[in-house]
C-alpha atoms as a PDB file:
ATOM      1  CA  PRO A   1      -0.163   0.054  -0.323  1.00  0.00           C
ATOM      2  CA  SER A   2       0.932   3.324  -0.582  1.00  0.00           C
ATOM      3  CA  LEU A   3       1.888   5.982   2.290  1.00  0.00           C
ATOM      4  CA  ILE A   4       0.146   9.097   2.436  1.00  0.00           C
ATOM      5  CA  SER A   5       2.011  11.385   5.065  1.00  0.00           C
ATOM      6  CA  LEU A   6       0.415  14.138   6.911  1.00  0.00           C
ATOM      7  CA  GLU A   7       1.075  16.718   9.300  1.00  0.00           C
ATOM      8  CA  ALA A   8      -1.374  18.509  12.055  1.00  0.00           C
ATOM      9  CA  GLU A   9       0.183  22.170  10.899  1.00  0.00           C
ATOM     10  CA  ASP A  10      -1.191  21.443   7.238  1.00  0.00           C
ATOM     11  CA  ALA A  11      -4.472  21.093   8.046  1.00  0.00           C
ATOM     12  CA  LYS A  12      -7.203  24.042   7.574  1.00  0.00           C
ATOM     13  CA  LEU A  13      -7.814  25.204  10.815  1.00  0.00           C
ATOM     14  CA  TYR A  14     -11.078  26.530  12.180  1.00  0.00           C
ATOM     15  CA  GLY A  15     -12.265  28.345  15.223  1.00  0.00           C
ATOM     16  CA  LEU A  16      -9.859  28.714  17.825  1.00  0.00           C
ATOM     17  CA  PHE A  17      -7.489  26.409  16.108  1.00  0.00           C
ATOM     18  CA  ARG A  18      -3.442  27.966  15.656  1.00  0.00           C
ATOM     19  CA  ALA A  19      -0.870  26.621  13.842  1.00  0.00           C
ATOM     20  CA  GLY A  20       2.828  26.721  16.358  1.00  0.00           C
ATOM     21  CA  SER A  21       6.154  26.097  16.094  1.00  0.00           C
ATOM     22  CA  ASP A  22       8.213  23.204  18.097  1.00  0.00           C
ATOM     23  CA  ASN A  23      11.942  22.179  17.263  1.00  0.00           C
ATOM     24  CA  ALA A  24      10.323  18.699  19.760  1.00  0.00           C
ATOM     25  CA  ALA A  25       7.902  18.522  17.919  1.00  0.00           C
ATOM     26  CA  ASN A  26       7.826  16.121  14.344  1.00  0.00           C
ATOM     27  CA  ALA A  27       8.272  18.278  11.171  1.00  0.00           C
ATOM     28  CA  GLY A  28       8.542  21.008  13.762  1.00  0.00           C
ATOM     29  CA  GLY A  29       4.993  21.733  14.189  1.00  0.00           C
ATOM     30  CA  TYR A  30       2.561  21.625  16.172  1.00  0.00           C
ATOM     31  CA  ILE A  31      -1.761  22.832  16.350  1.00  0.00           C
ATOM     32  CA  ASP A  32      -3.859  23.356  19.413  1.00  0.00           C
ATOM     33  CA  SER A  33      -6.806  25.594  20.873  1.00  0.00           C
ATOM     34  CA  ALA A  34      -6.422  28.992  21.824  1.00  0.00           C
ATOM     35  CA  ASN A  35      -9.067  27.959  24.245  1.00  0.00           C
ATOM     36  CA  SER A  36      -7.044  25.519  26.793  1.00  0.00           C
ATOM     37  CA  GLY A  37      -8.072  22.681  24.717  1.00  0.00           C
ATOM     38  CA  ASN A  38     -11.870  23.346  25.231  1.00  0.00           C
ATOM     39  CA  TYR A  39     -13.041  23.941  21.465  1.00  0.00           C
ATOM     40  CA  TYR A  40     -16.547  21.316  21.375  1.00  0.00           C
ATOM     41  CA  GLU A  41     -19.316  22.509  19.744  1.00  0.00           C
ATOM     42  CA  GLY A  42     -20.646  19.578  18.487  1.00  0.00           C
ATOM     43  CA  ASN A  43     -21.795  19.056  15.162  1.00  0.00           C
ATOM     44  CA  THR A  44     -21.737  22.498  13.660  1.00  0.00           C
ATOM     45  CA  ILE A  45     -20.516  24.013  10.552  1.00  0.00           C
ATOM     46  CA  SER A  46     -18.583  26.874  12.669  1.00  0.00           C
ATOM     47  CA  ALA A  47     -17.103  24.413  14.958  1.00  0.00           C
ATOM     48  CA  ASN A  48     -13.663  25.102  15.858  1.00  0.00           C
ATOM     49  CA  ARG A  49     -12.016  22.279  13.784  1.00  0.00           C
ATOM     50  CA  ALA A  50      -8.746  20.516  11.829  1.00  0.00           C
ATOM     51  CA  GLU A  51      -9.610  19.962   8.596  1.00  0.00           C
ATOM     52  CA  LEU A  52      -7.247  17.384   6.537  1.00  0.00           C
ATOM     53  CA  THR A  53      -7.983  15.879   2.740  1.00  0.00           C
ATOM     54  CA  PHE A  54      -5.675  13.838   0.560  1.00  0.00           C
ATOM     55  CA  THR A  55      -6.500  11.560  -1.911  1.00  0.00           C
ATOM     56  CA  ALA A  56      -6.210   8.250  -1.643  1.00  0.00           C
ATOM     57  CA  SER A  57      -4.772   6.164  -5.224  1.00  0.00           C
ATOM     58  CA  GLY A  58      -8.320   3.787  -5.443  1.00  0.00           C
ATOM     59  CA  ALA A  59     -10.452   1.674  -3.946  1.00  0.00           C
ATOM     60  CA  GLY A  60      -9.803  -0.082  -1.258  1.00  0.00           C
ATOM     61  CA  GLN A  61      -8.705  -0.250   3.000  1.00  0.00           C
ATOM     62  CA  TYR A  62      -7.125   2.318   4.473  1.00  0.00           C
ATOM     63  CA  THR A  63      -5.605   2.958   8.246  1.00  0.00           C
ATOM     64  CA  VAL A  64      -5.626   6.730   9.813  1.00  0.00           C
ATOM     65  CA  LYS A  65      -3.252   6.664  12.536  1.00  0.00           C
ATOM     66  CA  GLY A  66      -2.954   9.937  14.609  1.00  0.00           C
ATOM     67  CA  THR A  67      -0.379  10.660  17.458  1.00  0.00           C
ATOM     68  CA  THR A  68      -1.781  13.531  19.882  1.00  0.00           C
ATOM     69  CA  TYR A  69      -0.465  14.963  23.148  1.00  0.00           C
ATOM     70  CA  ALA A  70      -1.438  16.070  26.233  1.00  0.00           C
ATOM     71  CA  PRO A  71      -0.529  17.038  30.043  1.00  0.00           C
ATOM     72  CA  GLU A  72      -2.448  13.380  30.948  1.00  0.00           C
ATOM     73  CA  ALA A  73      -4.991  10.915  30.035  1.00  0.00           C
ATOM     74  CA  SER A  74      -8.133  12.972  31.100  1.00  0.00           C
ATOM     75  CA  ALA A  75      -7.212  15.868  29.029  1.00  0.00           C
ATOM     76  CA  ASP A  76      -9.359  16.558  26.456  1.00  0.00           C
ATOM     77  CA  SER A  77      -7.536  16.034  23.333  1.00  0.00           C
END
């Protein structure tokens, strides 16, 4: 299978999401919420969100892998 690699900072950001730089982050960047992580507004078009898009090479099964960092296990991430 082909590999499609995306970085969070490549996302189209809406609402309170913002991009930042950090040499310790993968590819040197990250995204977070300007509201202490409290960005869930339900399923609305104006919701704060990060939108990643890609084009698959064809029909088939794909695996999506995401990595997140949070200050503690119960953090809203």
